Amino acid sequence: MVRDVVPNPPVNSHLVVLYRGEYQLRYTVEGKDFYTWVSSGPSDAEKEFVEAKMDKLPDRCNFRIRYNPNRPSEAVVVSKMQP
Protein backbone atom coordinates (compact mmCIF):
# COMPACT_ATOMS: atom_id res chain seq x y z
CA MET A 1 0.00 0.00 0.00
CA VAL A 2 1.23 3.49 -0.84
CA ARG A 3 0.56 6.72 1.05
CA ASP A 4 -0.13 9.54 -1.41
CA VAL A 5 -0.60 13.26 -0.75
CA VAL A 6 -2.99 15.21 -2.98
CA PRO A 7 -0.74 17.86 -4.59
CA ASN A 8 -3.09 20.86 -4.74
CA PRO A 9 -5.74 20.77 -2.01
CA PRO A 10 -8.40 23.50 -2.14
CA VAL A 11 -7.60 26.78 -0.34
CA ASN A 12 -8.31 26.77 3.43
CA SER A 13 -8.51 22.99 3.57
CA HIS A 14 -6.49 20.41 5.39
CA LEU A 15 -3.81 18.45 3.61
CA VAL A 16 -5.44 15.40 2.02
CA VAL A 17 -3.73 12.04 2.37
CA LEU A 18 -4.92 9.10 0.31
CA TYR A 19 -3.87 5.48 0.46
CA ARG A 20 -3.83 3.38 -2.68
CA GLY A 21 -3.20 -0.28 -3.20
CA GLU A 22 -0.59 -1.43 -5.68
CA TYR A 23 0.58 -4.67 -7.21
CA GLN A 24 4.29 -5.34 -7.51
CA LEU A 25 4.68 -7.02 -10.88
CA ARG A 26 7.56 -9.31 -11.73
CA TYR A 27 8.65 -9.93 -15.31
CA THR A 28 11.55 -11.98 -16.60
CA VAL A 29 13.83 -11.08 -19.50
CA GLU A 30 16.57 -13.52 -20.56
CA GLY A 31 16.36 -15.30 -17.22
CA LYS A 32 16.66 -12.15 -15.09
CA ASP A 33 13.74 -10.91 -12.93
CA PHE A 34 12.65 -7.27 -12.96
CA TYR A 35 9.92 -5.52 -10.95
CA THR A 36 7.54 -2.62 -11.44
CA TRP A 37 4.49 -1.27 -9.60
CA VAL A 38 0.93 -0.70 -10.81
CA SER A 39 -2.27 0.42 -9.12
CA SER A 40 -4.60 -2.33 -7.96
CA GLY A 41 -7.58 0.04 -8.04
CA PRO A 42 -8.62 0.77 -4.44
CA SER A 43 -7.84 4.24 -3.12
CA ASP A 44 -9.29 6.07 -0.11
CA ALA A 45 -8.45 8.40 2.77
CA GLU A 46 -9.06 5.50 5.19
CA LYS A 47 -6.07 3.17 5.32
CA GLU A 48 -8.16 0.35 6.80
CA PHE A 49 -10.64 0.54 3.89
CA VAL A 50 -7.86 0.10 1.32
CA GLU A 51 -6.28 -2.72 3.34
CA ALA A 52 -9.63 -4.56 3.46
CA LYS A 53 -10.05 -4.19 -0.31
CA MET A 54 -6.47 -5.38 -0.90
CA ASP A 55 -7.10 -8.48 1.23
CA LYS A 56 -9.87 -9.49 -1.21
CA LEU A 57 -7.76 -9.14 -4.37
CA PRO A 58 -6.52 -12.30 -6.09
CA ASP A 59 -2.94 -13.41 -5.45
CA ARG A 60 -2.25 -13.43 -9.20
CA CYS A 61 -3.13 -10.99 -11.94
CA ASN A 62 -2.49 -10.61 -15.66
CA PHE A 63 -0.95 -7.38 -16.93
CA ARG A 64 0.78 -6.55 -20.19
CA ILE A 65 4.23 -5.07 -19.56
CA ARG A 66 6.29 -3.33 -22.25
CA TYR A 67 9.99 -2.97 -21.61
CA ASN A 68 12.95 -1.44 -23.38
CA PRO A 69 14.87 -4.33 -25.01
CA ASN A 70 18.14 -2.43 -24.52
CA ARG A 71 17.37 -1.75 -20.84
CA PRO A 72 14.81 -4.27 -19.57
CA SER A 73 14.61 -2.48 -16.21
CA GLU A 74 12.80 0.36 -18.03
CA ALA A 75 9.20 -0.79 -18.33
CA VAL A 76 5.63 0.44 -18.33
CA VAL A 77 2.40 -1.41 -17.68
CA VAL A 78 0.27 -1.00 -20.76
CA SER A 79 -2.98 -2.70 -19.74
CA LYS A 80 -4.58 -5.43 -17.71
CA MET A 81 -5.17 -8.46 -19.87
CA GLN A 82 -8.52 -10.25 -19.72
CA PRO A 83 -8.36 -13.72 -18.06
C-alpha atoms as a PDB file:
ATOM      1  CA  MET A   1       0.000   0.000   0.000  1.00  0.00           C
ATOM      2  CA  VAL A   2       1.232   3.489  -0.838  1.00  0.00           C
ATOM      3  CA  ARG A   3       0.562   6.722   1.048  1.00  0.00           C
ATOM      4  CA  ASP A   4      -0.126   9.536  -1.407  1.00  0.00           C
ATOM      5  CA  VAL A   5      -0.598  13.264  -0.753  1.00  0.00           C
ATOM      6  CA  VAL A   6      -2.986  15.207  -2.975  1.00  0.00           C
ATOM      7  CA  PRO A   7      -0.736  17.858  -4.592  1.00  0.00           C
ATOM      8  CA  ASN A   8      -3.089  20.863  -4.742  1.00  0.00           C
ATOM      9  CA  PRO A   9      -5.735  20.770  -2.011  1.00  0.00           C
ATOM     10  CA  PRO A  10      -8.398  23.496  -2.140  1.00  0.00           C
ATOM     11  CA  VAL A  11      -7.600  26.777  -0.343  1.00  0.00           C
ATOM     12  CA  ASN A  12      -8.312  26.769   3.429  1.00  0.00           C
ATOM     13  CA  SER A  13      -8.515  22.992   3.568  1.00  0.00           C
ATOM     14  CA  HIS A  14      -6.490  20.410   5.392  1.00  0.00           C
ATOM     15  CA  LEU A  15      -3.807  18.446   3.609  1.00  0.00           C
ATOM     16  CA  VAL A  16      -5.441  15.403   2.025  1.00  0.00           C
ATOM     17  CA  VAL A  17      -3.726  12.036   2.373  1.00  0.00           C
ATOM     18  CA  LEU A  18      -4.920   9.101   0.308  1.00  0.00           C
ATOM     19  CA  TYR A  19      -3.874   5.484   0.462  1.00  0.00           C
ATOM     20  CA  ARG A  20      -3.832   3.385  -2.680  1.00  0.00           C
ATOM     21  CA  GLY A  21      -3.203  -0.284  -3.200  1.00  0.00           C
ATOM     22  CA  GLU A  22      -0.589  -1.429  -5.677  1.00  0.00           C
ATOM     23  CA  TYR A  23       0.585  -4.674  -7.212  1.00  0.00           C
ATOM     24  CA  GLN A  24       4.292  -5.341  -7.508  1.00  0.00           C
ATOM     25  CA  LEU A  25       4.681  -7.023 -10.884  1.00  0.00           C
ATOM     26  CA  ARG A  26       7.559  -9.308 -11.733  1.00  0.00           C
ATOM     27  CA  TYR A  27       8.653  -9.925 -15.313  1.00  0.00           C
ATOM     28  CA  THR A  28      11.552 -11.984 -16.599  1.00  0.00           C
ATOM     29  CA  VAL A  29      13.832 -11.084 -19.503  1.00  0.00           C
ATOM     30  CA  GLU A  30      16.568 -13.524 -20.558  1.00  0.00           C
ATOM     31  CA  GLY A  31      16.364 -15.304 -17.219  1.00  0.00           C
ATOM     32  CA  LYS A  32      16.659 -12.155 -15.086  1.00  0.00           C
ATOM     33  CA  ASP A  33      13.745 -10.913 -12.927  1.00  0.00           C
ATOM     34  CA  PHE A  34      12.651  -7.266 -12.960  1.00  0.00           C
ATOM     35  CA  TYR A  35       9.921  -5.523 -10.954  1.00  0.00           C
ATOM     36  CA  THR A  36       7.539  -2.625 -11.442  1.00  0.00           C
ATOM     37  CA  TRP A  37       4.490  -1.270  -9.597  1.00  0.00           C
ATOM     38  CA  VAL A  38       0.932  -0.698 -10.810  1.00  0.00           C
ATOM     39  CA  SER A  39      -2.272   0.424  -9.118  1.00  0.00           C
ATOM     40  CA  SER A  40      -4.603  -2.330  -7.957  1.00  0.00           C
ATOM     41  CA  GLY A  41      -7.576   0.042  -8.038  1.00  0.00           C
ATOM     42  CA  PRO A  42      -8.616   0.774  -4.441  1.00  0.00           C
ATOM     43  CA  SER A  43      -7.844   4.238  -3.118  1.00  0.00           C
ATOM     44  CA  ASP A  44      -9.286   6.074  -0.111  1.00  0.00           C
ATOM     45  CA  ALA A  45      -8.446   8.397   2.774  1.00  0.00           C
ATOM     46  CA  GLU A  46      -9.059   5.504   5.191  1.00  0.00           C
ATOM     47  CA  LYS A  47      -6.067   3.171   5.323  1.00  0.00           C
ATOM     48  CA  GLU A  48      -8.159   0.345   6.795  1.00  0.00           C
ATOM     49  CA  PHE A  49     -10.642   0.543   3.890  1.00  0.00           C
ATOM     50  CA  VAL A  50      -7.864   0.101   1.320  1.00  0.00           C
ATOM     51  CA  GLU A  51      -6.282  -2.722   3.342  1.00  0.00           C
ATOM     52  CA  ALA A  52      -9.632  -4.558   3.464  1.00  0.00           C
ATOM     53  CA  LYS A  53     -10.045  -4.187  -0.309  1.00  0.00           C
ATOM     54  CA  MET A  54      -6.471  -5.382  -0.897  1.00  0.00           C
ATOM     55  CA  ASP A  55      -7.101  -8.484   1.229  1.00  0.00           C
ATOM     56  CA  LYS A  56      -9.866  -9.494  -1.210  1.00  0.00           C
ATOM     57  CA  LEU A  57      -7.759  -9.138  -4.370  1.00  0.00           C
ATOM     58  CA  PRO A  58      -6.517 -12.303  -6.092  1.00  0.00           C
ATOM     59  CA  ASP A  59      -2.944 -13.409  -5.448  1.00  0.00           C
ATOM     60  CA  ARG A  60      -2.247 -13.434  -9.195  1.00  0.00           C
ATOM     61  CA  CYS A  61      -3.134 -10.993 -11.938  1.00  0.00           C
ATOM     62  CA  ASN A  62      -2.488 -10.613 -15.658  1.00  0.00           C
ATOM     63  CA  PHE A  63      -0.954  -7.384 -16.932  1.00  0.00           C
ATOM     64  CA  ARG A  64       0.783  -6.553 -20.188  1.00  0.00           C
ATOM     65  CA  ILE A  65       4.232  -5.070 -19.561  1.00  0.00           C
ATOM     66  CA  ARG A  66       6.290  -3.331 -22.254  1.00  0.00           C
ATOM     67  CA  TYR A  67       9.986  -2.969 -21.608  1.00  0.00           C
ATOM     68  CA  ASN A  68      12.954  -1.442 -23.379  1.00  0.00           C
ATOM     69  CA  PRO A  69      14.874  -4.335 -25.007  1.00  0.00           C
ATOM     70  CA  ASN A  70      18.143  -2.435 -24.525  1.00  0.00           C
ATOM     71  CA  ARG A  71      17.367  -1.748 -20.842  1.00  0.00           C
ATOM     72  CA  PRO A  72      14.815  -4.273 -19.574  1.00  0.00           C
ATOM     73  CA  SER A  73      14.611  -2.480 -16.211  1.00  0.00           C
ATOM     74  CA  GLU A  74      12.797   0.355 -18.034  1.00  0.00           C
ATOM     75  CA  ALA A  75       9.199  -0.791 -18.326  1.00  0.00           C
ATOM     76  CA  VAL A  76       5.628   0.435 -18.331  1.00  0.00           C
ATOM     77  CA  VAL A  77       2.400  -1.413 -17.683  1.00  0.00           C
ATOM     78  CA  VAL A  78       0.269  -1.003 -20.762  1.00  0.00           C
ATOM     79  CA  SER A  79      -2.979  -2.703 -19.743  1.00  0.00           C
ATOM     80  CA  LYS A  80      -4.580  -5.427 -17.710  1.00  0.00           C
ATOM     81  CA  MET A  81      -5.174  -8.463 -19.871  1.00  0.00           C
ATOM     82  CA  GLN A  82      -8.521 -10.255 -19.722  1.00  0.00           C
ATOM     83  CA  PRO A  83      -8.359 -13.718 -18.057  1.00  0.00           C
END
